[in-house]
Each structure stands twice: as C-alpha cells, then as structure tokens.
Protein backbone atom coordinates (compact mmCIF):
# COMPACT_ATOMS: atom_id res chain seq x y z
CA UNK A 1 48.66 121.54 91.72
CA UNK A 2 47.11 118.17 91.19
CA UNK A 3 47.35 115.83 93.71
CA UNK A 4 49.75 113.41 92.56
CA UNK A 5 52.41 116.01 92.12
CA UNK A 6 51.97 116.71 95.85
CA UNK A 7 52.55 112.91 96.48
CA UNK A 8 55.47 113.26 94.40
CA UNK A 9 57.15 115.94 96.02
CA UNK A 10 56.50 114.92 99.51
CA UNK A 11 58.05 111.53 98.72
CA UNK A 12 61.35 112.74 97.13
CA UNK A 13 61.58 115.28 100.39
CA UNK A 14 60.96 112.18 102.30
CA UNK A 15 63.78 110.13 100.30
CA UNK A 16 66.15 113.24 100.25
CA UNK A 17 65.87 113.62 104.28
CA UNK A 18 66.41 109.49 104.70
CA UNK A 19 69.16 109.83 102.54
CA UNK A 20 70.87 112.73 103.98
CA UNK A 21 70.73 111.53 107.76
CA UNK A 22 72.22 108.40 106.79
CA UNK A 23 75.42 110.13 105.44
CA UNK A 24 75.94 111.87 108.75
CA UNK A 25 78.85 109.91 111.00
CA UNK A 26 79.53 110.31 114.88
CA UNK A 27 82.98 110.76 114.32
CA UNK A 28 83.16 110.71 118.19
CA UNK A 29 81.46 107.12 118.00
CA UNK A 30 83.50 104.07 119.74
CA UNK A 31 81.17 101.89 119.13
CA UNK A 32 83.30 99.98 116.86
CA UNK A 33 86.43 99.12 118.12
CA UNK A 34 88.98 98.39 114.89
CA UNK A 35 92.23 98.08 116.50
CA UNK A 36 95.00 99.09 118.92
CA UNK A 37 98.74 99.20 118.44
CA UNK A 38 101.81 100.78 120.12
CA UNK A 39 102.98 103.64 117.99
CA UNK A 40 105.84 104.58 120.57
CA UNK A 41 107.09 103.59 124.13
CA UNK A 42 103.96 103.42 126.43
CA UNK A 43 101.77 105.55 123.57
CA UNK A 44 99.25 103.93 121.20
CA UNK A 45 96.73 104.70 118.69
CA UNK A 46 93.28 103.24 118.27
CA UNK A 47 90.55 103.18 115.58
CA UNK A 48 86.96 103.19 115.58
CA UNK A 49 84.94 102.98 112.86
CA UNK A 50 82.61 105.52 112.66
CA UNK A 51 80.28 105.06 109.81
CA UNK A 52 79.97 102.23 107.14
CA UNK A 53 79.01 103.34 103.59
CA UNK A 54 78.35 99.65 102.48
CA UNK A 55 78.30 99.87 98.60
CA UNK A 56 76.84 103.91 98.59
CA UNK A 57 79.96 105.71 99.80
CA UNK A 58 83.20 104.60 101.68
CA UNK A 59 83.86 103.90 105.30
CA UNK A 60 84.95 106.68 107.94
CA UNK A 61 87.60 105.95 110.92
CA UNK A 62 88.06 107.63 113.98
CA UNK A 63 91.78 107.91 115.33
CA UNK A 64 92.84 108.62 119.12
CA UNK A 65 96.61 108.40 120.96
CA UNK A 66 96.37 107.43 124.28
CA UNK A 67 98.81 106.03 127.40
CA UNK A 68 95.31 104.02 128.34
CA UNK A 69 96.04 105.74 132.14
CA UNK A 70 95.81 109.37 131.91
CA UNK A 71 94.52 110.56 128.36
CA UNK A 72 92.87 109.62 125.28
CA UNK A 73 92.97 112.11 122.44
CA UNK A 74 91.00 112.25 119.15
CA UNK A 75 93.48 113.15 116.47
CA UNK A 76 91.22 112.77 113.42
CA UNK A 77 88.49 111.18 111.34
CA UNK A 78 89.61 109.64 107.81
CA UNK A 79 87.53 108.56 104.86
CA UNK A 80 88.58 105.21 103.51
CA UNK A 81 88.95 106.45 99.81
CA UNK A 82 91.09 109.13 100.02
CA UNK A 83 92.23 110.35 103.20
CA UNK A 84 94.78 109.24 105.76
CA UNK A 85 95.65 110.53 109.42
CA UNK A 86 99.30 110.63 110.08
CA UNK A 87 101.22 111.25 113.38
CA UNK A 88 104.71 111.88 113.91
CA UNK A 89 106.06 111.39 117.72
CA UNK A 90 109.52 113.37 118.21
CA UNK A 91 110.56 114.15 121.86
CA UNK A 92 107.31 115.10 124.01
CA UNK A 93 105.67 116.20 120.76
CA UNK A 94 102.89 114.57 118.62
CA UNK A 95 102.35 115.92 115.05
CA UNK A 96 99.07 115.06 113.12
CA UNK A 97 98.42 115.20 109.70
CA UNK A 98 95.67 114.80 107.15
CA UNK A 99 97.00 113.05 104.07
CA UNK A 100 94.81 113.64 100.84
CA UNK A 101 94.86 111.83 97.58
CA UNK A 102 93.94 113.97 94.36
CA UNK A 103 93.33 111.76 91.65
CA UNK A 104 93.84 113.09 87.86
CA UNK A 105 91.62 110.75 85.92
CA UNK A 106 93.05 112.39 82.55
CA UNK A 107 96.49 111.01 83.33
CA UNK A 108 95.41 108.12 85.87
CA UNK A 109 97.93 109.60 88.64
CA UNK A 110 97.89 110.01 91.90
CA UNK A 111 99.43 112.76 94.46
CA UNK A 112 99.24 113.41 97.95
CA UNK A 113 98.82 116.79 99.62
CA UNK A 114 99.51 116.70 103.83
CA UNK A 115 97.99 119.47 106.12
CA UNK A 116 98.87 119.93 109.80
CA UNK A 117 95.83 119.41 111.52
CA UNK A 118 97.14 118.94 115.20
CA UNK A 119 100.18 119.63 117.52
CA UNK A 120 100.03 118.44 121.22
CA UNK A 121 102.50 117.96 124.12
CA UNK A 122 102.33 114.56 125.89
CA UNK A 123 102.97 116.10 129.43
CA UNK A 124 100.14 118.42 128.74
CA UNK A 125 97.66 115.59 127.28
CA UNK A 126 98.49 113.55 130.80
CA UNK A 127 98.44 116.90 133.14
CA UNK A 128 94.77 117.68 131.58
CA UNK A 129 93.69 114.10 132.16
CA UNK A 130 91.17 113.90 129.43
CA UNK A 131 89.45 111.09 127.83
CA UNK A 132 87.84 112.05 124.61
C-alpha cells in the first residue's frame, strides 16, 4: 500500500469520527433554556435546546414537566423536523406521546402517528421528589 493511500484513509477515518461525535446530543442538557409555560394548575413545561443542527441537520429539544418545587420529570426529546412531544393531563395523571411525521414524497402528503412514551402519576412524582 502506498504512503498516500494510508494518509487518505487516516484522514477519512478522522473526519468520520469528528462528524459522528458532533452529531451526538445530550438529551439531559439544560444549558440552553428555551421557555417555560403553564400547562395545568401548578404544573409547567420546560424546553431546552440540546443540539443545534445548523445547516446539516435539525435541532433537538428536551422537554420536562415540573411543579417547580417538588419534582422535574424528563418526558422526552424531539427532533424539530419530524417529531413532537405531546402530553395530556387528566386528574392525577400525565400521559406523554411522541408524534411522528411520515412523509410520502410521491404524493407530497404528510401523515402523523402518535406513540405513548410515558404515563406518570403526579402524586408519585411529588413523593419521589426527583429533579431530572
């Protein structure tokens, strides 16, 4: 094998490694707070940007439900382009869903599928007292 071939392979492997490391996101990062809003009586949602895709990929966001005193629960991470985190609060229960966008480029139509990703009892979250 020629010396130039070895140099090209090492360079290519290095670039691939840098690219893959840059694509990793820390879904629990709270460095860039985006907003907090009221979702129910005494409950708030918080969003944090965990990854900025810039021109190459989409941004990622993590979401939390909190009462600001007793608990903060991580409920999911979404990619801005094709995912959305949704929650429904009924009585003492928070149910979370991930809504995925499906694209059909032949007909240029979009459809959405929702999958339940969590189910939490508010009184149990308060009792546990965890701040994720």
